[in-house]
Amino acid sequence: MISGLYADAFVEPSGARPRLLVAKAGMRDIPLILDLINAYAAKGIMLPRTEFEMSEAIRDFIVVKQGEELLGCGALHFYTPTLAEIRSLAVYEKAKTKGVGRLLVETLVAEAGQYELDAVFAFTYVVEFFSKVGFHAVERGVLPLKAWKDCLRCPKFQACDEVAVLRILRPDRCTESQLAVWGASANAADDQLIQIPTPRVSEIPPK
């Protein structure tokens, strides 16, 4: 399981949005992120992370803070030159009515655009929220061995109840032939890539 967010993490503040800072995570954020993620891991909601794992992946992460206080985190993990996953989303219980979940997802989508990716995907329990920010539910597809490395550690591996969602970022480049490449890559000899079956481009509604 790669996300600790449920519907309450995307509740928008009733009044003015509090002053929040979103930024790329730094090495000094590692202990704070570990505390947050491993608190969810202790409840069986997310996978536990070690300091070594976080040190390797810290460049994937962003954080949302209010002053010096960490409110939430998330990561953009690349699978191919055109496709990435939004993952490791977590928000503190006390911050779940401050719009932190939306801010995390919108910032990671914007980062994917800066890298000129064709699409991003996520696994989530809150499909309704993701549909409001341009994602569409898709079939899980076939995940090669290296993409399964986290799922294999999950206690829900045999009965996962998260839903795969996809957002096309560059319809001009994400043609039917490009989607076919994703599918073909699942059978690549080096087993490096990921296949997520997607809607036909013609079925994706305009923004």
N, C-alpha and C. Protein backbone atom coordinates (compact mmCIF):
# COMPACT_ATOMS: atom_id res chain seq x y z
N MET A 1 0.84 -1.17 0.00
CA MET A 1 0.00 0.00 0.00
C MET A 1 0.89 1.24 0.00
N ILE A 2 0.59 2.18 -0.85
CA ILE A 2 1.51 3.29 -1.03
C ILE A 2 0.91 4.64 -0.66
N SER A 3 -0.32 4.65 -0.15
CA SER A 3 -0.95 5.92 0.20
C SER A 3 -1.66 5.79 1.53
N GLY A 4 -1.52 6.83 2.35
CA GLY A 4 -2.23 6.86 3.62
C GLY A 4 -3.42 7.79 3.59
N LEU A 5 -3.88 8.19 2.40
CA LEU A 5 -4.93 9.19 2.31
C LEU A 5 -6.30 8.57 2.07
N TYR A 6 -7.25 8.97 2.89
CA TYR A 6 -8.65 8.66 2.69
C TYR A 6 -9.38 9.96 2.38
N ALA A 7 -10.70 9.90 2.25
CA ALA A 7 -11.46 11.06 1.79
C ALA A 7 -11.27 12.28 2.69
N ASP A 8 -11.11 12.06 4.02
CA ASP A 8 -11.02 13.21 4.91
C ASP A 8 -9.75 14.02 4.70
N ALA A 9 -8.75 13.44 4.04
CA ALA A 9 -7.51 14.18 3.79
C ALA A 9 -7.68 15.22 2.69
N PHE A 10 -8.80 15.16 1.96
CA PHE A 10 -9.02 16.08 0.84
C PHE A 10 -10.13 17.09 1.14
N VAL A 11 -10.59 17.13 2.39
CA VAL A 11 -11.59 18.12 2.78
C VAL A 11 -10.98 19.51 2.69
N GLU A 12 -11.65 20.41 2.00
CA GLU A 12 -11.16 21.77 1.85
C GLU A 12 -11.51 22.60 3.08
N PRO A 13 -10.65 23.54 3.47
CA PRO A 13 -10.95 24.38 4.64
C PRO A 13 -12.20 25.21 4.39
N SER A 14 -13.02 25.38 5.44
CA SER A 14 -14.29 26.10 5.28
C SER A 14 -14.08 27.59 5.09
N GLY A 15 -13.04 28.14 5.69
CA GLY A 15 -12.75 29.56 5.53
C GLY A 15 -11.57 29.76 4.61
N ALA A 16 -10.79 30.78 4.89
CA ALA A 16 -9.59 31.03 4.08
C ALA A 16 -8.59 29.90 4.30
N ARG A 17 -7.93 29.49 3.21
CA ARG A 17 -6.93 28.42 3.34
C ARG A 17 -5.77 28.92 4.19
N PRO A 18 -5.34 28.11 5.17
CA PRO A 18 -4.21 28.53 6.01
C PRO A 18 -2.95 28.68 5.17
N ARG A 19 -2.01 29.46 5.67
CA ARG A 19 -0.77 29.70 4.94
C ARG A 19 0.10 28.45 5.01
N LEU A 20 0.23 27.78 3.88
CA LEU A 20 0.98 26.53 3.81
C LEU A 20 2.16 26.69 2.86
N LEU A 21 3.25 26.04 3.19
CA LEU A 21 4.43 26.05 2.34
C LEU A 21 4.61 24.66 1.75
N VAL A 22 4.72 24.58 0.43
CA VAL A 22 5.01 23.31 -0.24
C VAL A 22 6.38 23.43 -0.89
N ALA A 23 7.21 22.42 -0.70
CA ALA A 23 8.59 22.49 -1.18
C ALA A 23 9.14 21.09 -1.39
N LYS A 24 10.22 21.01 -2.16
CA LYS A 24 10.94 19.75 -2.29
C LYS A 24 11.51 19.38 -0.92
N ALA A 25 11.44 18.10 -0.61
CA ALA A 25 11.96 17.63 0.67
C ALA A 25 13.49 17.68 0.67
N GLY A 26 14.05 17.94 1.83
CA GLY A 26 15.50 17.92 2.00
C GLY A 26 15.90 16.80 2.95
N MET A 27 17.20 16.59 3.07
CA MET A 27 17.68 15.51 3.93
C MET A 27 17.23 15.71 5.38
N ARG A 28 17.11 16.95 5.82
CA ARG A 28 16.71 17.19 7.21
C ARG A 28 15.24 16.87 7.44
N ASP A 29 14.48 16.67 6.35
CA ASP A 29 13.07 16.30 6.48
C ASP A 29 12.88 14.80 6.68
N ILE A 30 13.93 14.02 6.49
CA ILE A 30 13.79 12.56 6.54
C ILE A 30 13.20 12.07 7.87
N PRO A 31 13.72 12.52 9.03
CA PRO A 31 13.12 12.03 10.29
C PRO A 31 11.63 12.37 10.41
N LEU A 32 11.24 13.57 9.94
CA LEU A 32 9.84 13.98 10.02
C LEU A 32 8.96 13.12 9.12
N ILE A 33 9.43 12.86 7.89
CA ILE A 33 8.68 12.04 6.96
C ILE A 33 8.57 10.61 7.48
N LEU A 34 9.65 10.09 8.02
CA LEU A 34 9.63 8.73 8.57
C LEU A 34 8.62 8.62 9.71
N ASP A 35 8.58 9.61 10.59
CA ASP A 35 7.61 9.58 11.69
C ASP A 35 6.19 9.52 11.15
N LEU A 36 5.90 10.30 10.12
CA LEU A 36 4.55 10.34 9.55
C LEU A 36 4.21 9.03 8.86
N ILE A 37 5.06 8.58 7.96
CA ILE A 37 4.77 7.35 7.20
C ILE A 37 4.71 6.14 8.12
N ASN A 38 5.64 6.03 9.05
CA ASN A 38 5.68 4.85 9.90
C ASN A 38 4.57 4.83 10.94
N ALA A 39 4.00 5.99 11.24
CA ALA A 39 2.81 6.02 12.10
C ALA A 39 1.64 5.36 11.37
N TYR A 40 1.50 5.63 10.07
CA TYR A 40 0.47 4.96 9.28
C TYR A 40 0.82 3.48 9.09
N ALA A 41 2.09 3.17 8.94
CA ALA A 41 2.52 1.78 8.78
C ALA A 41 2.15 0.96 10.01
N ALA A 42 2.25 1.55 11.18
CA ALA A 42 1.91 0.85 12.42
C ALA A 42 0.43 0.47 12.46
N LYS A 43 -0.39 1.18 11.70
CA LYS A 43 -1.82 0.88 11.62
C LYS A 43 -2.16 -0.03 10.45
N GLY A 44 -1.12 -0.44 9.68
CA GLY A 44 -1.34 -1.30 8.52
C GLY A 44 -1.85 -0.57 7.31
N ILE A 45 -1.72 0.77 7.28
CA ILE A 45 -2.25 1.57 6.17
C ILE A 45 -1.18 1.82 5.11
N MET A 46 0.07 2.00 5.52
CA MET A 46 1.16 2.21 4.59
C MET A 46 2.28 1.22 4.90
N LEU A 47 3.25 1.16 4.01
CA LEU A 47 4.41 0.31 4.24
C LEU A 47 5.45 1.06 5.06
N PRO A 48 6.10 0.39 5.99
CA PRO A 48 7.15 1.06 6.77
C PRO A 48 8.34 1.41 5.89
N ARG A 49 9.01 2.50 6.25
CA ARG A 49 10.20 2.93 5.52
C ARG A 49 11.36 3.06 6.49
N THR A 50 12.55 2.84 5.99
CA THR A 50 13.75 2.99 6.79
C THR A 50 14.47 4.27 6.40
N GLU A 51 15.42 4.68 7.24
CA GLU A 51 16.21 5.87 6.93
C GLU A 51 16.99 5.68 5.65
N PHE A 52 17.50 4.47 5.42
CA PHE A 52 18.24 4.19 4.19
C PHE A 52 17.33 4.33 2.96
N GLU A 53 16.13 3.77 3.02
CA GLU A 53 15.20 3.87 1.89
C GLU A 53 14.83 5.32 1.62
N MET A 54 14.58 6.08 2.67
CA MET A 54 14.22 7.48 2.48
C MET A 54 15.39 8.29 1.93
N SER A 55 16.59 7.97 2.35
CA SER A 55 17.75 8.69 1.83
C SER A 55 17.90 8.46 0.33
N GLU A 56 17.61 7.24 -0.12
CA GLU A 56 17.68 6.94 -1.54
C GLU A 56 16.59 7.67 -2.33
N ALA A 57 15.42 7.82 -1.73
CA ALA A 57 14.25 8.31 -2.47
C ALA A 57 13.90 9.76 -2.18
N ILE A 58 14.67 10.46 -1.35
CA ILE A 58 14.27 11.77 -0.88
C ILE A 58 14.06 12.76 -2.02
N ARG A 59 14.76 12.59 -3.13
CA ARG A 59 14.59 13.52 -4.26
C ARG A 59 13.23 13.38 -4.92
N ASP A 60 12.51 12.28 -4.65
CA ASP A 60 11.16 12.10 -5.18
C ASP A 60 10.12 12.89 -4.39
N PHE A 61 10.45 13.29 -3.17
CA PHE A 61 9.45 13.76 -2.21
C PHE A 61 9.27 15.27 -2.21
N ILE A 62 8.03 15.65 -1.90
CA ILE A 62 7.71 17.02 -1.54
C ILE A 62 7.09 17.00 -0.15
N VAL A 63 7.10 18.15 0.53
CA VAL A 63 6.49 18.26 1.85
C VAL A 63 5.62 19.50 1.89
N VAL A 64 4.59 19.45 2.73
CA VAL A 64 3.76 20.62 3.02
C VAL A 64 3.96 20.93 4.49
N LYS A 65 4.28 22.19 4.79
CA LYS A 65 4.52 22.61 6.16
C LYS A 65 3.71 23.86 6.49
N GLN A 66 3.47 24.03 7.76
CA GLN A 66 2.92 25.28 8.28
C GLN A 66 3.93 25.77 9.30
N GLY A 67 4.69 26.79 8.93
CA GLY A 67 5.85 27.17 9.71
C GLY A 67 6.90 26.07 9.58
N GLU A 68 7.37 25.57 10.71
CA GLU A 68 8.34 24.47 10.70
C GLU A 68 7.69 23.12 10.91
N GLU A 69 6.36 23.10 11.02
CA GLU A 69 5.63 21.86 11.31
C GLU A 69 5.25 21.12 10.03
N LEU A 70 5.64 19.86 9.93
CA LEU A 70 5.27 19.03 8.78
C LEU A 70 3.81 18.64 8.88
N LEU A 71 3.06 18.87 7.78
CA LEU A 71 1.66 18.50 7.72
C LEU A 71 1.42 17.29 6.82
N GLY A 72 2.23 17.15 5.77
CA GLY A 72 2.03 16.03 4.84
C GLY A 72 3.19 15.88 3.89
N CYS A 73 3.18 14.75 3.18
CA CYS A 73 4.24 14.47 2.21
C CYS A 73 3.69 13.65 1.06
N GLY A 74 4.43 13.61 -0.02
CA GLY A 74 4.08 12.80 -1.18
C GLY A 74 5.29 12.71 -2.09
N ALA A 75 5.23 11.79 -3.06
CA ALA A 75 6.38 11.57 -3.92
C ALA A 75 5.94 11.32 -5.36
N LEU A 76 6.84 11.67 -6.28
CA LEU A 76 6.66 11.39 -7.71
C LEU A 76 7.75 10.41 -8.11
N HIS A 77 7.35 9.18 -8.40
CA HIS A 77 8.31 8.11 -8.70
C HIS A 77 8.26 7.77 -10.18
N PHE A 78 9.41 7.89 -10.86
CA PHE A 78 9.46 7.69 -12.31
C PHE A 78 9.60 6.20 -12.66
N TYR A 79 8.84 5.79 -13.69
CA TYR A 79 8.94 4.42 -14.19
C TYR A 79 9.52 4.37 -15.59
N THR A 80 9.19 5.34 -16.42
CA THR A 80 9.72 5.43 -17.77
C THR A 80 9.98 6.91 -18.05
N PRO A 81 10.58 7.24 -19.19
CA PRO A 81 10.76 8.66 -19.53
C PRO A 81 9.44 9.41 -19.74
N THR A 82 8.31 8.70 -19.78
CA THR A 82 7.03 9.35 -20.04
C THR A 82 5.98 9.10 -18.96
N LEU A 83 6.28 8.30 -17.97
CA LEU A 83 5.26 7.85 -17.02
C LEU A 83 5.81 7.82 -15.59
N ALA A 84 5.01 8.33 -14.64
CA ALA A 84 5.42 8.33 -13.23
C ALA A 84 4.21 8.03 -12.35
N GLU A 85 4.51 7.66 -11.11
CA GLU A 85 3.47 7.36 -10.12
C GLU A 85 3.50 8.40 -9.00
N ILE A 86 2.33 8.88 -8.61
CA ILE A 86 2.19 9.68 -7.40
C ILE A 86 1.97 8.71 -6.25
N ARG A 87 2.86 8.76 -5.25
CA ARG A 87 2.84 7.74 -4.21
C ARG A 87 3.26 8.33 -2.86
N SER A 88 3.23 7.48 -1.85
CA SER A 88 3.67 7.87 -0.49
C SER A 88 2.96 9.12 0.01
N LEU A 89 1.67 9.24 -0.33
CA LEU A 89 0.89 10.39 0.14
C LEU A 89 0.46 10.16 1.59
N ALA A 90 0.77 11.10 2.45
CA ALA A 90 0.39 10.99 3.85
C ALA A 90 0.17 12.37 4.44
N VAL A 91 -0.88 12.49 5.25
CA VAL A 91 -1.22 13.77 5.90
C VAL A 91 -1.53 13.48 7.37
N TYR A 92 -1.00 14.31 8.25
CA TYR A 92 -1.30 14.16 9.67
C TYR A 92 -2.79 14.37 9.92
N GLU A 93 -3.33 13.60 10.87
CA GLU A 93 -4.75 13.67 11.21
C GLU A 93 -5.18 15.11 11.49
N LYS A 94 -4.36 15.85 12.23
CA LYS A 94 -4.71 17.20 12.64
C LYS A 94 -4.75 18.19 11.47
N ALA A 95 -4.22 17.77 10.30
CA ALA A 95 -4.14 18.67 9.14
C ALA A 95 -5.12 18.30 8.04
N LYS A 96 -6.02 17.37 8.31
CA LYS A 96 -6.84 16.83 7.24
C LYS A 96 -8.00 17.72 6.80
N THR A 97 -8.17 18.88 7.40
CA THR A 97 -9.19 19.82 6.92
C THR A 97 -8.57 21.11 6.41
N LYS A 98 -7.28 21.04 6.07
CA LYS A 98 -6.56 22.24 5.62
C LYS A 98 -6.25 22.22 4.13
N GLY A 99 -6.78 21.24 3.39
CA GLY A 99 -6.52 21.19 1.96
C GLY A 99 -5.15 20.66 1.60
N VAL A 100 -4.49 19.96 2.54
CA VAL A 100 -3.13 19.49 2.31
C VAL A 100 -3.09 18.39 1.24
N GLY A 101 -4.07 17.48 1.26
CA GLY A 101 -4.08 16.41 0.27
C GLY A 101 -4.16 16.93 -1.16
N ARG A 102 -5.05 17.88 -1.38
CA ARG A 102 -5.17 18.48 -2.72
C ARG A 102 -3.89 19.19 -3.12
N LEU A 103 -3.31 19.91 -2.20
CA LEU A 103 -2.08 20.65 -2.50
C LEU A 103 -0.95 19.70 -2.88
N LEU A 104 -0.83 18.59 -2.19
CA LEU A 104 0.19 17.59 -2.52
C LEU A 104 0.00 17.06 -3.93
N VAL A 105 -1.22 16.63 -4.25
CA VAL A 105 -1.47 16.03 -5.55
C VAL A 105 -1.28 17.05 -6.66
N GLU A 106 -1.82 18.25 -6.50
CA GLU A 106 -1.69 19.27 -7.55
C GLU A 106 -0.22 19.64 -7.78
N THR A 107 0.56 19.71 -6.71
CA THR A 107 1.98 20.05 -6.85
C THR A 107 2.74 18.94 -7.57
N LEU A 108 2.44 17.69 -7.25
CA LEU A 108 3.13 16.57 -7.91
C LEU A 108 2.74 16.46 -9.38
N VAL A 109 1.48 16.74 -9.70
CA VAL A 109 1.07 16.76 -11.11
C VAL A 109 1.80 17.86 -11.86
N ALA A 110 1.93 19.02 -11.23
CA ALA A 110 2.66 20.13 -11.87
C ALA A 110 4.12 19.76 -12.08
N GLU A 111 4.72 19.06 -11.13
CA GLU A 111 6.11 18.64 -11.28
C GLU A 111 6.24 17.66 -12.45
N ALA A 112 5.28 16.74 -12.57
CA ALA A 112 5.29 15.80 -13.70
C ALA A 112 5.23 16.56 -15.02
N GLY A 113 4.44 17.63 -15.06
CA GLY A 113 4.38 18.45 -16.27
C GLY A 113 5.70 19.13 -16.57
N GLN A 114 6.41 19.57 -15.55
CA GLN A 114 7.71 20.20 -15.75
C GLN A 114 8.71 19.22 -16.36
N TYR A 115 8.56 17.95 -16.05
CA TYR A 115 9.42 16.92 -16.64
C TYR A 115 8.90 16.43 -17.99
N GLU A 116 7.83 17.05 -18.47
CA GLU A 116 7.25 16.73 -19.78
C GLU A 116 6.82 15.27 -19.87
N LEU A 117 6.29 14.74 -18.77
CA LEU A 117 5.75 13.38 -18.80
C LEU A 117 4.44 13.35 -19.56
N ASP A 118 4.14 12.20 -20.13
CA ASP A 118 2.89 12.04 -20.85
C ASP A 118 1.72 11.75 -19.92
N ALA A 119 1.99 11.09 -18.79
CA ALA A 119 0.91 10.70 -17.88
C ALA A 119 1.46 10.40 -16.50
N VAL A 120 0.57 10.46 -15.50
CA VAL A 120 0.89 10.04 -14.14
C VAL A 120 -0.24 9.14 -13.66
N PHE A 121 0.08 8.23 -12.76
CA PHE A 121 -0.96 7.37 -12.19
C PHE A 121 -0.77 7.28 -10.69
N ALA A 122 -1.79 6.75 -10.02
CA ALA A 122 -1.73 6.57 -8.57
C ALA A 122 -2.64 5.42 -8.19
N PHE A 123 -2.45 4.90 -7.01
CA PHE A 123 -3.38 3.94 -6.41
C PHE A 123 -4.02 4.62 -5.22
N THR A 124 -5.35 4.55 -5.12
CA THR A 124 -6.05 5.38 -4.15
C THR A 124 -7.34 4.73 -3.66
N TYR A 125 -7.80 5.20 -2.50
CA TYR A 125 -9.12 4.86 -1.99
C TYR A 125 -10.13 5.95 -2.32
N VAL A 126 -9.67 7.10 -2.80
CA VAL A 126 -10.55 8.26 -2.99
C VAL A 126 -10.62 8.62 -4.47
N VAL A 127 -11.21 7.75 -5.24
CA VAL A 127 -11.31 7.95 -6.69
C VAL A 127 -12.07 9.22 -7.00
N GLU A 128 -13.10 9.53 -6.20
CA GLU A 128 -13.91 10.72 -6.45
C GLU A 128 -13.06 11.98 -6.43
N PHE A 129 -12.15 12.08 -5.46
CA PHE A 129 -11.29 13.26 -5.42
C PHE A 129 -10.40 13.31 -6.65
N PHE A 130 -9.74 12.20 -6.97
CA PHE A 130 -8.82 12.21 -8.11
C PHE A 130 -9.55 12.53 -9.42
N SER A 131 -10.81 12.12 -9.52
CA SER A 131 -11.58 12.44 -10.73
C SER A 131 -11.80 13.94 -10.87
N LYS A 132 -11.82 14.64 -9.75
CA LYS A 132 -12.02 16.10 -9.78
C LYS A 132 -10.78 16.84 -10.25
N VAL A 133 -9.63 16.18 -10.21
CA VAL A 133 -8.39 16.83 -10.64
C VAL A 133 -7.82 16.15 -11.89
N GLY A 134 -8.73 15.57 -12.72
CA GLY A 134 -8.33 15.12 -14.04
C GLY A 134 -7.92 13.67 -14.18
N PHE A 135 -8.05 12.85 -13.12
CA PHE A 135 -7.69 11.43 -13.21
C PHE A 135 -8.91 10.60 -13.58
N HIS A 136 -8.64 9.40 -14.12
CA HIS A 136 -9.68 8.46 -14.50
C HIS A 136 -9.31 7.07 -13.99
N ALA A 137 -10.29 6.36 -13.45
CA ALA A 137 -10.04 5.00 -12.98
C ALA A 137 -9.70 4.11 -14.17
N VAL A 138 -8.70 3.25 -13.99
CA VAL A 138 -8.27 2.33 -15.04
C VAL A 138 -8.04 0.95 -14.42
N GLU A 139 -7.94 -0.06 -15.28
CA GLU A 139 -7.61 -1.40 -14.80
C GLU A 139 -6.18 -1.42 -14.26
N ARG A 140 -5.94 -2.32 -13.34
CA ARG A 140 -4.61 -2.38 -12.72
C ARG A 140 -3.51 -2.73 -13.71
N GLY A 141 -3.82 -3.62 -14.64
CA GLY A 141 -2.81 -3.99 -15.63
C GLY A 141 -1.80 -4.98 -15.09
N VAL A 142 -0.68 -5.04 -15.77
CA VAL A 142 0.38 -5.98 -15.44
C VAL A 142 1.60 -5.22 -14.94
N LEU A 143 2.02 -5.52 -13.72
CA LEU A 143 3.18 -4.87 -13.14
C LEU A 143 4.37 -5.82 -13.15
N PRO A 144 5.43 -5.51 -13.89
CA PRO A 144 6.62 -6.36 -13.88
C PRO A 144 7.25 -6.43 -12.49
N LEU A 145 8.15 -7.33 -12.34
CA LEU A 145 8.72 -7.67 -11.03
C LEU A 145 9.23 -6.45 -10.28
N LYS A 146 9.98 -5.56 -10.94
CA LYS A 146 10.59 -4.43 -10.24
C LYS A 146 9.54 -3.43 -9.77
N ALA A 147 8.41 -3.36 -10.47
CA ALA A 147 7.34 -2.47 -10.05
C ALA A 147 6.55 -3.07 -8.89
N TRP A 148 6.64 -4.37 -8.70
CA TRP A 148 5.91 -5.05 -7.62
C TRP A 148 6.68 -5.05 -6.31
N LYS A 149 7.90 -4.50 -6.29
CA LYS A 149 8.76 -4.69 -5.11
C LYS A 149 8.12 -4.18 -3.83
N ASP A 150 7.38 -3.08 -3.89
CA ASP A 150 6.70 -2.58 -2.69
C ASP A 150 5.43 -3.38 -2.41
N CYS A 151 4.69 -3.72 -3.47
CA CYS A 151 3.43 -4.45 -3.28
C CYS A 151 3.67 -5.80 -2.62
N LEU A 152 4.79 -6.43 -2.93
CA LEU A 152 5.08 -7.73 -2.35
C LEU A 152 5.23 -7.68 -0.84
N ARG A 153 5.55 -6.49 -0.31
CA ARG A 153 5.73 -6.33 1.14
C ARG A 153 4.42 -5.97 1.84
N CYS A 154 3.38 -5.69 1.07
CA CYS A 154 2.14 -5.19 1.63
C CYS A 154 1.30 -6.33 2.19
N PRO A 155 0.72 -6.18 3.39
CA PRO A 155 -0.13 -7.22 3.95
C PRO A 155 -1.40 -7.45 3.15
N LYS A 156 -1.79 -6.48 2.31
CA LYS A 156 -2.98 -6.63 1.48
C LYS A 156 -2.65 -7.07 0.06
N PHE A 157 -1.45 -7.59 -0.15
CA PHE A 157 -1.00 -7.93 -1.50
C PHE A 157 -1.98 -8.85 -2.22
N GLN A 158 -2.55 -9.83 -1.52
CA GLN A 158 -3.45 -10.79 -2.16
C GLN A 158 -4.88 -10.28 -2.28
N ALA A 159 -5.18 -9.17 -1.62
CA ALA A 159 -6.55 -8.65 -1.66
C ALA A 159 -6.53 -7.13 -1.60
N CYS A 160 -5.80 -6.51 -2.50
CA CYS A 160 -5.66 -5.05 -2.49
C CYS A 160 -6.98 -4.40 -2.89
N ASP A 161 -7.37 -3.37 -2.13
CA ASP A 161 -8.64 -2.69 -2.42
C ASP A 161 -8.44 -1.27 -2.91
N GLU A 162 -7.20 -0.90 -3.25
CA GLU A 162 -6.97 0.41 -3.85
C GLU A 162 -7.31 0.37 -5.34
N VAL A 163 -7.65 1.52 -5.89
CA VAL A 163 -8.05 1.65 -7.30
C VAL A 163 -6.96 2.41 -8.05
N ALA A 164 -6.63 1.93 -9.24
CA ALA A 164 -5.65 2.62 -10.08
C ALA A 164 -6.33 3.77 -10.81
N VAL A 165 -5.70 4.94 -10.79
CA VAL A 165 -6.22 6.11 -11.52
C VAL A 165 -5.09 6.70 -12.36
N LEU A 166 -5.45 7.27 -13.49
CA LEU A 166 -4.48 7.77 -14.46
C LEU A 166 -4.89 9.17 -14.91
N ARG A 167 -3.90 10.03 -15.11
CA ARG A 167 -4.16 11.34 -15.71
C ARG A 167 -3.24 11.52 -16.90
N ILE A 168 -3.82 11.77 -18.06
CA ILE A 168 -3.06 12.07 -19.27
C ILE A 168 -2.65 13.54 -19.23
N LEU A 169 -1.37 13.80 -19.34
CA LEU A 169 -0.86 15.17 -19.27
C LEU A 169 -0.61 15.78 -20.64
N ARG A 170 -0.28 14.92 -21.61
CA ARG A 170 0.06 15.42 -22.95
C ARG A 170 -0.70 14.61 -24.00
N PRO A 171 -1.97 14.94 -24.22
CA PRO A 171 -2.77 14.21 -25.20
C PRO A 171 -2.18 14.24 -26.61
N ASP A 172 -1.41 15.31 -26.91
CA ASP A 172 -0.82 15.41 -28.24
C ASP A 172 0.25 14.35 -28.46
N ARG A 173 0.86 13.87 -27.38
CA ARG A 173 1.90 12.85 -27.50
C ARG A 173 1.41 11.47 -27.07
N CYS A 174 0.37 11.44 -26.25
CA CYS A 174 -0.12 10.18 -25.72
C CYS A 174 -1.14 9.59 -26.69
N THR A 175 -0.65 9.12 -27.83
CA THR A 175 -1.50 8.54 -28.85
C THR A 175 -1.74 7.06 -28.57
N GLU A 176 -2.58 6.42 -29.40
CA GLU A 176 -2.83 5.00 -29.22
C GLU A 176 -1.55 4.20 -29.38
N SER A 177 -0.67 4.64 -30.27
CA SER A 177 0.58 3.91 -30.46
C SER A 177 1.45 4.02 -29.21
N GLN A 178 1.43 5.20 -28.54
CA GLN A 178 2.21 5.37 -27.32
C GLN A 178 1.68 4.47 -26.21
N LEU A 179 0.35 4.40 -26.08
CA LEU A 179 -0.23 3.53 -25.07
C LEU A 179 0.14 2.08 -25.33
N ALA A 180 0.23 1.72 -26.59
CA ALA A 180 0.61 0.35 -26.94
C ALA A 180 2.04 0.05 -26.51
N VAL A 181 2.90 1.07 -26.56
CA VAL A 181 4.28 0.89 -26.11
C VAL A 181 4.31 0.54 -24.63
N TRP A 182 3.48 1.21 -23.84
CA TRP A 182 3.42 0.88 -22.41
C TRP A 182 3.07 -0.58 -22.22
N GLY A 183 2.06 -1.04 -23.02
CA GLY A 183 1.64 -2.43 -22.89
C GLY A 183 2.74 -3.39 -23.29
N ALA A 184 3.41 -3.11 -24.40
CA ALA A 184 4.47 -3.99 -24.88
C ALA A 184 5.63 -4.02 -23.91
N SER A 185 5.88 -2.91 -23.23
CA SER A 185 7.04 -2.84 -22.35
C SER A 185 6.91 -3.76 -21.15
N ALA A 186 5.69 -4.17 -20.81
CA ALA A 186 5.53 -5.06 -19.67
C ALA A 186 6.19 -6.40 -19.90
N ASN A 187 6.39 -6.74 -21.16
CA ASN A 187 7.02 -8.01 -21.49
C ASN A 187 8.47 -7.85 -21.90
N ALA A 188 9.04 -6.65 -21.64
CA ALA A 188 10.41 -6.40 -22.02
C ALA A 188 11.36 -7.33 -21.28
N ALA A 189 12.47 -7.67 -21.92
CA ALA A 189 13.39 -8.64 -21.35
C ALA A 189 14.00 -8.15 -20.05
N ASP A 190 14.23 -6.83 -19.92
CA ASP A 190 14.88 -6.35 -18.70
C ASP A 190 13.89 -6.13 -17.57
N ASP A 191 12.59 -6.30 -17.86
CA ASP A 191 11.54 -6.23 -16.83
C ASP A 191 11.57 -4.92 -16.07
N GLN A 192 11.94 -3.83 -16.74
CA GLN A 192 12.11 -2.56 -16.07
C GLN A 192 10.83 -1.73 -16.02
N LEU A 193 9.89 -2.00 -16.92
CA LEU A 193 8.83 -1.04 -17.14
C LEU A 193 7.50 -1.50 -16.57
N ILE A 194 6.51 -0.61 -16.68
CA ILE A 194 5.21 -0.87 -16.07
C ILE A 194 4.11 -0.73 -17.12
N GLN A 195 3.10 -1.58 -17.08
CA GLN A 195 1.96 -1.46 -17.98
C GLN A 195 0.73 -1.17 -17.15
N ILE A 196 0.04 -0.11 -17.49
CA ILE A 196 -1.27 0.18 -16.91
C ILE A 196 -2.24 0.30 -18.07
N PRO A 197 -3.16 -0.67 -18.28
CA PRO A 197 -4.13 -0.54 -19.35
C PRO A 197 -4.92 0.75 -19.16
N THR A 198 -5.10 1.50 -20.22
CA THR A 198 -5.71 2.81 -20.11
C THR A 198 -6.90 2.92 -21.04
N PRO A 199 -7.77 3.92 -20.82
CA PRO A 199 -8.84 4.18 -21.78
C PRO A 199 -8.24 4.58 -23.12
N ARG A 200 -8.95 4.33 -24.19
CA ARG A 200 -8.51 4.84 -25.49
C ARG A 200 -8.48 6.35 -25.41
N VAL A 201 -7.56 6.98 -26.13
CA VAL A 201 -7.43 8.43 -26.07
C VAL A 201 -8.74 9.11 -26.40
N SER A 202 -9.50 8.56 -27.35
CA SER A 202 -10.76 9.16 -27.76
C SER A 202 -11.80 9.14 -26.64
N GLU A 203 -11.60 8.26 -25.63
CA GLU A 203 -12.56 8.16 -24.55
C GLU A 203 -12.26 9.11 -23.40
N ILE A 204 -11.09 9.73 -23.43
CA ILE A 204 -10.70 10.61 -22.33
C ILE A 204 -11.38 11.96 -22.53
N PRO A 205 -12.25 12.36 -21.60
CA PRO A 205 -12.97 13.62 -21.78
C PRO A 205 -12.05 14.81 -21.73
N PRO A 206 -12.39 15.87 -22.44
CA PRO A 206 -11.57 17.08 -22.40
C PRO A 206 -11.60 17.70 -21.01
N LYS A 207 -10.56 18.47 -20.71
CA LYS A 207 -10.52 19.15 -19.41
C LYS A 207 -11.61 20.23 -19.35
